[in-house]
Amino acid sequence: LVEEGFDIMAVDADLCGSTTTGKLGASYPDRLVDVGIAEQ
């Protein structure tokens, strides 16, 4: 989606590997925020 031009970001709660959002962080580090174990 980012490569198609969408202004995408992801926010993860300390599970980037399990949820696979780590793939976004590896390609576009500024588009992934990991807040830790803090879902609220």
Full PDB file with SEQRES, HELIX, SHEET, SSBOND, CRYST1, ORIGX, SCALE, CONECT and MASTER records, all heavy atoms in Angstrom:
SEQRES   1 A   40  LEU VAL GLU GLU GLY PHE ASP ILE MET ALA VAL ASP ALA          
SEQRES   2 A   40  ASP LEU CYS GLY SER THR THR THR GLY LYS LEU GLY ALA          
SEQRES   3 A   40  SER TYR PRO ASP ARG LEU VAL ASP VAL GLY ILE ALA GLU          
SEQRES   4 A   40  GLN                                                          
HELIX    1 AA1 CYS A   16  THR A   19  1                                   4    
HELIX    2 AA2 GLY A   22  SER A   27  1                                   6    
HELIX    3 AA3 PRO A   29  ARG A   31  5                                   3    
SHEET    1 AA1 2 ALA A  10  ASP A  12  0                                        
SHEET    2 AA1 2 LEU A  32  ASP A  34  1                                        
CRYST1    1.000    1.000    1.000  90.00  90.00  90.00 P 1           1          
ORIGX1      1.000000  0.000000  0.000000        0.00000                         
ORIGX2      0.000000  1.000000  0.000000        0.00000                         
ORIGX3      0.000000  0.000000  1.000000        0.00000                         
SCALE1      1.000000  0.000000  0.000000        0.00000                         
SCALE2      0.000000  1.000000  0.000000        0.00000                         
SCALE3      0.000000  0.000000  1.000000        0.00000                         
ATOM      1  N   LEU A   1       0.826  -1.208   0.000  1.00  0.00           N  
ATOM      2  CA  LEU A   1       0.000   0.000   0.000  1.00  0.00           C  
ATOM      3  C   LEU A   1       0.861   1.258   0.000  1.00  0.00           C  
ATOM      4  O   LEU A   1       0.560   2.230  -0.706  1.00  0.00           O  
ATOM      5  CB  LEU A   1      -0.930  -0.012   1.215  1.00  0.00           C  
ATOM      6  CG  LEU A   1      -2.119  -0.976   1.126  1.00  0.00           C  
ATOM      7  CD1 LEU A   1      -2.741  -1.188   2.495  1.00  0.00           C  
ATOM      8  CD2 LEU A   1      -3.163  -0.442   0.137  1.00  0.00           C  
ATOM      9  N   VAL A   2       1.938   1.251   0.790  1.00  0.00           N  
ATOM     10  CA  VAL A   2       2.854   2.402   0.784  1.00  0.00           C  
ATOM     11  C   VAL A   2       3.447   2.581  -0.609  1.00  0.00           C  
ATOM     12  O   VAL A   2       3.534   3.709  -1.131  1.00  0.00           O  
ATOM     13  CB  VAL A   2       3.960   2.213   1.842  1.00  0.00           C  
ATOM     14  CG1 VAL A   2       5.019   3.306   1.690  1.00  0.00           C  
ATOM     15  CG2 VAL A   2       3.369   2.241   3.244  1.00  0.00           C  
ATOM     16  N   GLU A   3       3.853   1.473  -1.221  1.00  0.00           N  
ATOM     17  CA  GLU A   3       4.474   1.543  -2.543  1.00  0.00           C  
ATOM     18  C   GLU A   3       3.483   1.945  -3.622  1.00  0.00           C  
ATOM     19  O   GLU A   3       3.884   2.415  -4.690  1.00  0.00           O  
ATOM     20  CB  GLU A   3       5.138   0.204  -2.853  1.00  0.00           C  
ATOM     21  CG  GLU A   3       6.349  -0.038  -1.938  1.00  0.00           C  
ATOM     22  CD  GLU A   3       6.967  -1.407  -2.090  1.00  0.00           C  
ATOM     23  OE1 GLU A   3       6.351  -2.282  -2.754  1.00  0.00           O  
ATOM     24  OE2 GLU A   3       8.071  -1.620  -1.528  1.00  0.00           O  
ATOM     25  N   GLU A   4       2.172   1.772  -3.334  1.00  0.00           N  
ATOM     26  CA  GLU A   4       1.131   2.229  -4.259  1.00  0.00           C  
ATOM     27  C   GLU A   4       0.781   3.703  -4.025  1.00  0.00           C  
ATOM     28  O   GLU A   4      -0.057   4.259  -4.750  1.00  0.00           O  
ATOM     29  CB  GLU A   4      -0.127   1.373  -4.098  1.00  0.00           C  
ATOM     30  CG  GLU A   4       0.033  -0.062  -4.604  1.00  0.00           C  
ATOM     31  CD  GLU A   4      -1.179  -0.927  -4.269  1.00  0.00           C  
ATOM     32  OE1 GLU A   4      -2.242  -0.357  -3.910  1.00  0.00           O  
ATOM     33  OE2 GLU A   4      -1.064  -2.164  -4.358  1.00  0.00           O  
ATOM     34  N   GLY A   5       1.380   4.321  -3.009  1.00  0.00           N  
ATOM     35  CA  GLY A   5       1.176   5.742  -2.780  1.00  0.00           C  
ATOM     36  C   GLY A   5       0.264   6.100  -1.633  1.00  0.00           C  
ATOM     37  O   GLY A   5      -0.034   7.286  -1.419  1.00  0.00           O  
ATOM     38  N   PHE A   6      -0.184   5.109  -0.856  1.00  0.00           N  
ATOM     39  CA  PHE A   6      -1.049   5.393   0.283  1.00  0.00           C  
ATOM     40  C   PHE A   6      -0.220   5.862   1.477  1.00  0.00           C  
ATOM     41  O   PHE A   6       0.868   5.338   1.722  1.00  0.00           O  
ATOM     42  CB  PHE A   6      -1.857   4.147   0.669  1.00  0.00           C  
ATOM     43  CG  PHE A   6      -2.945   3.809  -0.305  1.00  0.00           C  
ATOM     44  CD1 PHE A   6      -2.678   3.038  -1.430  1.00  0.00           C  
ATOM     45  CD2 PHE A   6      -4.237   4.272  -0.109  1.00  0.00           C  
ATOM     46  CE1 PHE A   6      -3.678   2.729  -2.334  1.00  0.00           C  
ATOM     47  CE2 PHE A   6      -5.246   3.971  -1.006  1.00  0.00           C  
ATOM     48  CZ  PHE A   6      -4.965   3.203  -2.125  1.00  0.00           C  
ATOM     49  N   ASP A   7      -0.735   6.835   2.206  1.00  0.00           N  
ATOM     50  CA  ASP A   7      -0.044   7.361   3.382  1.00  0.00           C  
ATOM     51  C   ASP A   7      -0.405   6.490   4.581  1.00  0.00           C  
ATOM     52  O   ASP A   7      -1.255   6.835   5.405  1.00  0.00           O  
ATOM     53  CB  ASP A   7      -0.442   8.811   3.616  1.00  0.00           C  
ATOM     54  CG  ASP A   7       0.487   9.503   4.606  1.00  0.00           C  
ATOM     55  OD1 ASP A   7       1.418   8.846   5.108  1.00  0.00           O  
ATOM     56  OD2 ASP A   7       0.269  10.698   4.886  1.00  0.00           O  
ATOM     57  N   ILE A   8       0.254   5.344   4.657  1.00  0.00           N  
ATOM     58  CA  ILE A   8      -0.059   4.309   5.637  1.00  0.00           C  
ATOM     59  C   ILE A   8       0.907   4.390   6.812  1.00  0.00           C  
ATOM     60  O   ILE A   8       2.106   4.585   6.641  1.00  0.00           O  
ATOM     61  CB  ILE A   8       0.065   2.909   4.988  1.00  0.00           C  
ATOM     62  CG1 ILE A   8      -0.980   2.721   3.881  1.00  0.00           C  
ATOM     63  CG2 ILE A   8      -0.049   1.794   6.029  1.00  0.00           C  
ATOM     64  CD1 ILE A   8      -2.397   2.709   4.364  1.00  0.00           C  
ATOM     65  N   MET A   9       0.367   4.198   8.027  1.00  0.00           N  
ATOM     66  CA  MET A   9       1.203   3.967   9.200  1.00  0.00           C  
ATOM     67  C   MET A   9       0.611   2.815   9.998  1.00  0.00           C  
ATOM     68  O   MET A   9      -0.581   2.509   9.874  1.00  0.00           O  
ATOM     69  CB  MET A   9       1.309   5.214  10.065  1.00  0.00           C  
ATOM     70  CG  MET A   9       2.129   6.324   9.428  1.00  0.00           C  
ATOM     71  SD  MET A   9       2.660   7.580  10.618  1.00  0.00           S  
ATOM     72  CE  MET A   9       3.903   6.658  11.556  1.00  0.00           C  
ATOM     73  N   ALA A  10       1.448   2.164  10.810  1.00  0.00           N  
ATOM     74  CA  ALA A  10       0.982   1.102  11.688  1.00  0.00           C  
ATOM     75  C   ALA A  10       1.459   1.380  13.106  1.00  0.00           C  
ATOM     76  O   ALA A  10       2.553   1.911  13.317  1.00  0.00           O  
ATOM     77  CB  ALA A  10       1.496  -0.252  11.221  1.00  0.00           C  
ATOM     78  N   VAL A  11       0.615   1.031  14.072  1.00  0.00           N  
ATOM     79  CA  VAL A  11       0.962   1.145  15.486  1.00  0.00           C  
ATOM     80  C   VAL A  11       0.794  -0.234  16.106  1.00  0.00           C  
ATOM     81  O   VAL A  11      -0.289  -0.827  16.039  1.00  0.00           O  
ATOM     82  CB  VAL A  11       0.077   2.177  16.214  1.00  0.00           C  
ATOM     83  CG1 VAL A  11       0.570   2.374  17.643  1.00  0.00           C  
ATOM     84  CG2 VAL A  11       0.066   3.508  15.473  1.00  0.00           C  
ATOM     85  N   ASP A  12       1.864  -0.757  16.683  1.00  0.00           N  
ATOM     86  CA  ASP A  12       1.874  -2.111  17.224  1.00  0.00           C  
ATOM     87  C   ASP A  12       2.096  -2.065  18.732  1.00  0.00           C  
ATOM     88  O   ASP A  12       2.681  -1.117  19.260  1.00  0.00           O  
ATOM     89  CB  ASP A  12       2.988  -2.928  16.552  1.00  0.00           C  
ATOM     90  CG  ASP A  12       2.744  -4.420  16.624  1.00  0.00           C  
ATOM     91  OD1 ASP A  12       2.711  -4.956  17.748  1.00  0.00           O  
ATOM     92  OD2 ASP A  12       2.595  -5.062  15.562  1.00  0.00           O  
ATOM     93  N   ALA A  13       1.621  -3.121  19.417  1.00  0.00           N  
ATOM     94  CA  ALA A  13       1.760  -3.207  20.870  1.00  0.00           C  
ATOM     95  C   ALA A  13       2.735  -4.321  21.246  1.00  0.00           C  
ATOM     96  O   ALA A  13       2.362  -5.314  21.858  1.00  0.00           O  
ATOM     97  CB  ALA A  13       0.401  -3.416  21.525  1.00  0.00           C  
ATOM     98  N   ASP A  14       3.979  -4.168  20.809  1.00  0.00           N  
ATOM     99  CA  ASP A  14       5.084  -5.052  21.187  1.00  0.00           C  
ATOM    100  C   ASP A  14       4.991  -6.451  20.585  1.00  0.00           C  
ATOM    101  O   ASP A  14       5.480  -7.419  21.162  1.00  0.00           O  
ATOM    102  CB  ASP A  14       5.166  -5.166  22.724  1.00  0.00           C  
ATOM    103  CG  ASP A  14       6.519  -5.686  23.186  1.00  0.00           C  
ATOM    104  OD1 ASP A  14       7.549  -5.262  22.629  1.00  0.00           O  
ATOM    105  OD2 ASP A  14       6.545  -6.528  24.102  1.00  0.00           O  
ATOM    106  N   LEU A  15       4.357  -6.556  19.408  1.00  0.00           N  
ATOM    107  CA  LEU A  15       4.203  -7.873  18.778  1.00  0.00           C  
ATOM    108  C   LEU A  15       4.504  -7.797  17.285  1.00  0.00           C  
ATOM    109  O   LEU A  15       3.877  -8.489  16.482  1.00  0.00           O  
ATOM    110  CB  LEU A  15       2.782  -8.406  19.006  1.00  0.00           C  
ATOM    111  CG  LEU A  15       2.459  -8.822  20.441  1.00  0.00           C  
ATOM    112  CD1 LEU A  15       0.959  -8.953  20.643  1.00  0.00           C  
ATOM    113  CD2 LEU A  15       3.157 -10.130  20.791  1.00  0.00           C  
ATOM    114  N   CYS A  16       5.459  -6.967  16.906  1.00  0.00           N  
ATOM    115  CA  CYS A  16       5.715  -6.703  15.488  1.00  0.00           C  
ATOM    116  C   CYS A  16       6.086  -7.964  14.700  1.00  0.00           C  
ATOM    117  O   CYS A  16       5.794  -8.062  13.510  1.00  0.00           O  
ATOM    118  CB  CYS A  16       6.823  -5.663  15.340  1.00  0.00           C  
ATOM    119  SG  CYS A  16       6.419  -4.057  16.054  1.00  0.00           S  
ATOM    120  N   GLY A  17       6.746  -8.915  15.364  1.00  0.00           N  
ATOM    121  CA  GLY A  17       7.093 -10.152  14.684  1.00  0.00           C  
ATOM    122  C   GLY A  17       5.884 -11.037  14.471  1.00  0.00           C  
ATOM    123  O   GLY A  17       5.630 -11.526  13.364  1.00  0.00           O  
ATOM    124  N   SER A  18       5.090 -11.219  15.509  1.00  0.00           N  
ATOM    125  CA  SER A  18       3.914 -12.083  15.428  1.00  0.00           C  
ATOM    126  C   SER A  18       2.838 -11.516  14.514  1.00  0.00           C  
ATOM    127  O   SER A  18       2.170 -12.249  13.781  1.00  0.00           O  
ATOM    128  CB  SER A  18       3.343 -12.310  16.827  1.00  0.00           C  
ATOM    129  OG  SER A  18       4.259 -13.010  17.640  1.00  0.00           O  
ATOM    130  N   THR A  19       2.634 -10.206  14.565  1.00  0.00           N  
ATOM    131  CA  THR A  19       1.593  -9.587  13.737  1.00  0.00           C  
ATOM    132  C   THR A  19       2.066  -9.304  12.319  1.00  0.00           C  
ATOM    133  O   THR A  19       1.256  -8.972  11.455  1.00  0.00           O  
ATOM    134  CB  THR A  19       1.118  -8.267  14.366  1.00  0.00           C  
ATOM    135  OG1 THR A  19       2.201  -7.327  14.353  1.00  0.00           O  
ATOM    136  CG2 THR A  19       0.624  -8.472  15.792  1.00  0.00           C  
ATOM    137  N   THR A  20       3.350  -9.384  12.095  1.00  0.00           N  
ATOM    138  CA  THR A  20       4.059  -9.147  10.820  1.00  0.00           C  
ATOM    139  C   THR A  20       4.147  -7.682  10.429  1.00  0.00           C  
ATOM    140  O   THR A  20       4.578  -7.368   9.323  1.00  0.00           O  
ATOM    141  CB  THR A  20       3.497  -9.978   9.638  1.00  0.00           C  
ATOM    142  OG1 THR A  20       2.258  -9.447   9.160  1.00  0.00           O  
ATOM    143  CG2 THR A  20       3.337 -11.451  10.007  1.00  0.00           C  
ATOM    144  N   THR A  21       3.774  -6.751  11.318  1.00  0.00           N  
ATOM    145  CA  THR A  21       3.992  -5.340  10.994  1.00  0.00           C  
ATOM    146  C   THR A  21       5.480  -5.016  10.910  1.00  0.00           C  
ATOM    147  O   THR A  21       5.864  -3.982  10.356  1.00  0.00           O  
ATOM    148  CB  THR A  21       3.353  -4.410  12.034  1.00  0.00           C  
ATOM    149  OG1 THR A  21       3.905  -4.701  13.328  1.00  0.00           O  
ATOM    150  CG2 THR A  21       1.840  -4.590  12.069  1.00  0.00           C  
ATOM    151  N   GLY A  22       6.324  -5.898  11.447  1.00  0.00           N  
ATOM    152  CA  GLY A  22       7.770  -5.700  11.340  1.00  0.00           C  
ATOM    153  C   GLY A  22       8.240  -5.589   9.899  1.00  0.00           C  
ATOM    154  O   GLY A  22       9.271  -4.945   9.627  1.00  0.00           O  
ATOM    155  N   LYS A  23       7.483  -6.184   8.967  1.00  0.00           N  
ATOM    156  CA  LYS A  23       7.831  -6.061   7.546  1.00  0.00           C  
ATOM    157  C   LYS A  23       7.718  -4.612   7.086  1.00  0.00           C  
ATOM    158  O   LYS A  23       8.538  -4.145   6.291  1.00  0.00           O  
ATOM    159  CB  LYS A  23       6.931  -6.969   6.704  1.00  0.00           C  
ATOM    160  CG  LYS A  23       7.168  -8.454   6.926  1.00  0.00           C  
ATOM    161  CD  LYS A  23       6.297  -9.287   6.009  1.00  0.00           C  
ATOM    162  CE  LYS A  23       6.566 -10.778   6.210  1.00  0.00           C  
ATOM    163  NZ  LYS A  23       5.721 -11.622   5.327  1.00  0.00           N  
ATOM    164  N   LEU A  24       6.689  -3.925   7.567  1.00  0.00           N  
ATOM    165  CA  LEU A  24       6.550  -2.508   7.230  1.00  0.00           C  
ATOM    166  C   LEU A  24       7.699  -1.719   7.851  1.00  0.00           C  
ATOM    167  O   LEU A  24       8.298  -0.856   7.200  1.00  0.00           O  
ATOM    168  CB  LEU A  24       5.208  -1.975   7.738  1.00  0.00           C  
ATOM    169  CG  LEU A  24       4.958  -0.480   7.505  1.00  0.00           C  
ATOM    170  CD1 LEU A  24       4.847  -0.166   6.021  1.00  0.00           C  
ATOM    171  CD2 LEU A  24       3.701  -0.028   8.249  1.00  0.00           C  
ATOM    172  N   GLY A  25       8.023  -2.020   9.113  1.00  0.00           N  
ATOM    173  CA  GLY A  25       9.111  -1.310   9.787  1.00  0.00           C  
ATOM    174  C   GLY A  25      10.456  -1.534   9.125  1.00  0.00           C  
ATOM    175  O   GLY A  25      11.290  -0.619   9.083  1.00  0.00           O  
ATOM    176  N   ALA A  26      10.685  -2.745   8.594  1.00  0.00           N  
ATOM    177  CA  ALA A  26      11.957  -3.033   7.934  1.00  0.00           C  
ATOM    178  C   ALA A  26      12.109  -2.232   6.644  1.00  0.00           C  
ATOM    179  O   ALA A  26      13.209  -1.769   6.311  1.00  0.00           O  
ATOM    180  CB  ALA A  26      12.064  -4.527   7.644  1.00  0.00           C  
ATOM    181  N   SER A  27      11.005  -2.053   5.918  1.00  0.00           N  
ATOM    182  CA  SER A  27      11.056  -1.327   4.644  1.00  0.00           C  
ATOM    183  C   SER A  27      10.918   0.172   4.830  1.00  0.00           C  
ATOM    184  O   SER A  27      11.560   0.956   4.114  1.00  0.00           O  
ATOM    185  CB  SER A  27       9.937  -1.831   3.717  1.00  0.00           C  
ATOM    186  OG  SER A  27      10.105  -3.198   3.407  1.00  0.00           O  
ATOM    187  N   TYR A  28      10.081   0.577   5.784  1.00  0.00           N  
ATOM    188  CA  TYR A  28       9.800   1.995   6.013  1.00  0.00           C  
ATOM    189  C   TYR A  28       9.763   2.257   7.521  1.00  0.00           C  
ATOM    190  O   TYR A  28       8.682   2.324   8.128  1.00  0.00           O  
ATOM    191  CB  TYR A  28       8.468   2.396   5.365  1.00  0.00           C  
ATOM    192  CG  TYR A  28       8.428   2.165   3.874  1.00  0.00           C  
ATOM    193  CD1 TYR A  28       7.840   0.994   3.355  1.00  0.00           C  
ATOM    194  CD2 TYR A  28       8.979   3.082   2.987  1.00  0.00           C  
ATOM    195  CE1 TYR A  28       7.808   0.770   1.973  1.00  0.00           C  
ATOM    196  CE2 TYR A  28       8.949   2.856   1.616  1.00  0.00           C  
ATOM    197  CZ  TYR A  28       8.372   1.699   1.126  1.00  0.00           C  
ATOM    198  OH  TYR A  28       8.341   1.475  -0.235  1.00  0.00           O  
ATOM    199  N   PRO A  29      10.936   2.399   8.148  1.00  0.00           N  
ATOM    200  CA  PRO A  29      11.005   2.522   9.614  1.00  0.00           C  
ATOM    201  C   PRO A  29      10.181   3.665  10.188  1.00  0.00           C  
ATOM    202  O   PRO A  29       9.684   3.564  11.318  1.00  0.00           O  
ATOM    203  CB  PRO A  29      12.498   2.743   9.872  1.00  0.00           C  
ATOM    204  CG  PRO A  29      13.191   2.174   8.675  1.00  0.00           C  
ATOM    205  CD  PRO A  29      12.274   2.421   7.521  1.00  0.00           C  
ATOM    206  N   ASP A  30      10.009   4.737   9.435  1.00  0.00           N  
ATOM    207  CA  ASP A  30       9.272   5.885   9.963  1.00  0.00           C  
ATOM    208  C   ASP A  30       7.763   5.688   9.907  1.00  0.00           C  
ATOM    209  O   ASP A  30       7.010   6.564  10.349  1.00  0.00           O  
ATOM    210  CB  ASP A  30       9.659   7.160   9.196  1.00  0.00           C  
ATOM    211  CG  ASP A  30       9.370   7.070   7.701  1.00  0.00           C  
ATOM    212  OD1 ASP A  30       9.296   5.930   7.183  1.00  0.00           O  
ATOM    213  OD2 ASP A  30       9.229   8.122   7.058  1.00  0.00           O  
ATOM    214  N   ARG A  31       7.312   4.556   9.396  1.00  0.00           N  
ATOM    215  CA  ARG A  31       5.871   4.309   9.277  1.00  0.00           C  
ATOM    216  C   ARG A  31       5.360   3.295  10.306  1.00  0.00           C  
ATOM    217  O   ARG A  31       4.198   2.909  10.268  1.00  0.00           O  
ATOM    218  CB  ARG A  31       5.526   3.841   7.860  1.00  0.00           C  
ATOM    219  CG  ARG A  31       5.710   4.944   6.826  1.00  0.00           C  
ATOM    220  CD  ARG A  31       5.225   4.527   5.456  1.00  0.00           C  
ATOM    221  NE  ARG A  31       5.363   5.629   4.506  1.00  0.00           N  
ATOM    222  CZ  ARG A  31       4.432   6.548   4.277  1.00  0.00           C  
ATOM    223  NH1 ARG A  31       3.290   6.505   4.946  1.00  0.00           N  
ATOM    224  NH2 ARG A  31       4.631   7.506   3.403  1.00  0.00           N  
ATOM    225  N   LEU A  32       6.211   2.839  11.206  1.00  0.00           N  
ATOM    226  CA  LEU A  32       5.805   1.900  12.245  1.00  0.00           C  
ATOM    227  C   LEU A  32       6.144   2.469  13.618  1.00  0.00           C  
ATOM    228  O   LEU A  32       7.283   2.865  13.874  1.00  0.00           O  
ATOM    229  CB  LEU A  32       6.510   0.553  12.057  1.00  0.00           C  
ATOM    230  CG  LEU A  32       6.268  -0.499  13.161  1.00  0.00           C  
ATOM    231  CD1 LEU A  32       4.790  -0.892  13.234  1.00  0.00           C  
ATOM    232  CD2 LEU A  32       7.146  -1.726  12.931  1.00  0.00           C  
ATOM    233  N   VAL A  33       5.153   2.507  14.488  1.00  0.00           N  
ATOM    234  CA  VAL A  33       5.337   2.944  15.872  1.00  0.00           C  
ATOM    235  C   VAL A  33       5.021   1.762  16.781  1.00  0.00           C  
ATOM    236  O   VAL A  33       3.932   1.175  16.692  1.00  0.00           O  
ATOM    237  CB  VAL A  33       4.412   4.126  16.232  1.00  0.00           C  
ATOM    238  CG1 VAL A  33       4.609   4.525  17.690  1.00  0.00           C  
ATOM    239  CG2 VAL A  33       4.657   5.300  15.301  1.00  0.00           C  
ATOM    240  N   ASP A  34       5.962   1.392  17.644  1.00  0.00           N  
ATOM    241  CA  ASP A  34       5.734   0.328  18.623  1.00  0.00           C  
ATOM    242  C   ASP A  34       5.592   0.972  19.993  1.00  0.00           C  
ATOM    243  O   ASP A  34       6.547   1.543  20.526  1.00  0.00           O  
ATOM    244  CB  ASP A  34       6.907  -0.665  18.608  1.00  0.00           C  
ATOM    245  CG  ASP A  34       6.630  -1.904  19.447  1.00  0.00           C  
ATOM    246  OD1 ASP A  34       5.723  -1.855  20.305  1.00  0.00           O  
ATOM    247  OD2 ASP A  34       7.317  -2.925  19.238  1.00  0.00           O  
ATOM    248  N   VAL A  35       4.390   0.899  20.568  1.00  0.00           N  
ATOM    249  CA  VAL A  35       4.127   1.566  21.849  1.00  0.00           C  
ATOM    250  C   VAL A  35       4.401   0.666  23.041  1.00  0.00           C  
ATOM    251  O   VAL A  35       4.209   1.079  24.188  1.00  0.00           O  
ATOM    252  CB  VAL A  35       2.666   2.076  21.917  1.00  0.00           C  
ATOM    253  CG1 VAL A  35       2.396   3.108  20.833  1.00  0.00           C  
ATOM    254  CG2 VAL A  35       1.678   0.916  21.832  1.00  0.00           C  
ATOM    255  N   GLY A  36       4.838  -0.578  22.786  1.00  0.00           N  
ATOM    256  CA  GLY A  36       5.013  -1.515  23.875  1.00  0.00           C  
ATOM    257  C   GLY A  36       3.689  -2.133  24.284  1.00  0.00           C  
ATOM    258  O   GLY A  36       2.677  -2.027  23.576  1.00  0.00           O  
ATOM    259  N   ILE A  37       3.690  -2.821  25.423  1.00  0.00           N  
ATOM    260  CA  ILE A  37       2.474  -3.518  25.869  1.00  0.00           C  
ATOM    261  C   ILE A  37       1.527  -2.488  26.473  1.00  0.00           C  
ATOM    262  O   ILE A  37       1.414  -2.342  27.701  1.00  0.00           O  
ATOM    263  CB  ILE A  37       2.825  -4.634  26.870  1.00  0.00           C  
ATOM    264  CG1 ILE A  37       3.872  -5.576  26.264  1.00  0.00           C  
ATOM    265  CG2 ILE A  37       1.573  -5.438  27.231  1.00  0.00           C  
ATOM    266  CD1 ILE A  37       4.416  -6.596  27.230  1.00  0.00           C  
ATOM    267  N   ALA A  38       0.856  -1.757  25.599  1.00  0.00           N  
ATOM    268  CA  ALA A  38       0.012  -0.626  26.031  1.00  0.00           C  
ATOM    269  C   ALA A  38      -1.058  -0.394  24.966  1.00  0.00           C  
ATOM    270  O   ALA A  38      -0.988   0.564  24.197  1.00  0.00           O  
ATOM    271  CB  ALA A  38       0.868   0.621  26.238  1.00  0.00           C  
ATOM    272  N   GLU A  39      -2.044  -1.298  24.938  1.00  0.00           N  
ATOM    273  CA  GLU A  39      -3.031  -1.267  23.851  1.00  0.00           C  
ATOM    274  C   GLU A  39      -3.885  -0.007  23.856  1.00  0.00           C  
ATOM    275  O   GLU A  39      -4.263   0.488  22.784  1.00  0.00           O  
ATOM    276  CB  GLU A  39      -3.916  -2.528  23.925  1.00  0.00           C  
ATOM    277  CG  GLU A  39      -3.211  -3.801  23.520  1.00  0.00           C  
ATOM    278  CD  GLU A  39      -2.350  -4.397  24.635  1.00  0.00           C  
ATOM    279  OE1 GLU A  39      -2.382  -3.866  25.781  1.00  0.00           O  
ATOM    280  OE2 GLU A  39      -1.651  -5.389  24.376  1.00  0.00           O  
ATOM    281  N   GLN A  40      -4.226   0.518  25.035  1.00  0.00           N  
ATOM    282  CA  GLN A  40      -4.992   1.767  25.066  1.00  0.00           C  
ATOM    283  C   GLN A  40      -4.194   2.892  24.423  1.00  0.00           C  
ATOM    284  O   GLN A  40      -4.739   3.703  23.649  1.00  0.00           O  
ATOM    285  CB  GLN A  40      -5.353   2.132  26.513  1.00  0.00           C  
ATOM    286  CG  GLN A  40      -6.306   1.147  27.183  1.00  0.00           C  
ATOM    287  CD  GLN A  40      -5.569   0.137  28.041  1.00  0.00           C  
ATOM    288  OE1 GLN A  40      -4.412  -0.199  27.765  1.00  0.00           O  
ATOM    289  NE2 GLN A  40      -6.226  -0.355  29.082  1.00  0.00           N  
TER     290      GLN A  40                                                      
MASTER        0    0    0    3    2    0    0    6  289    1    0    4          
END                                                                             
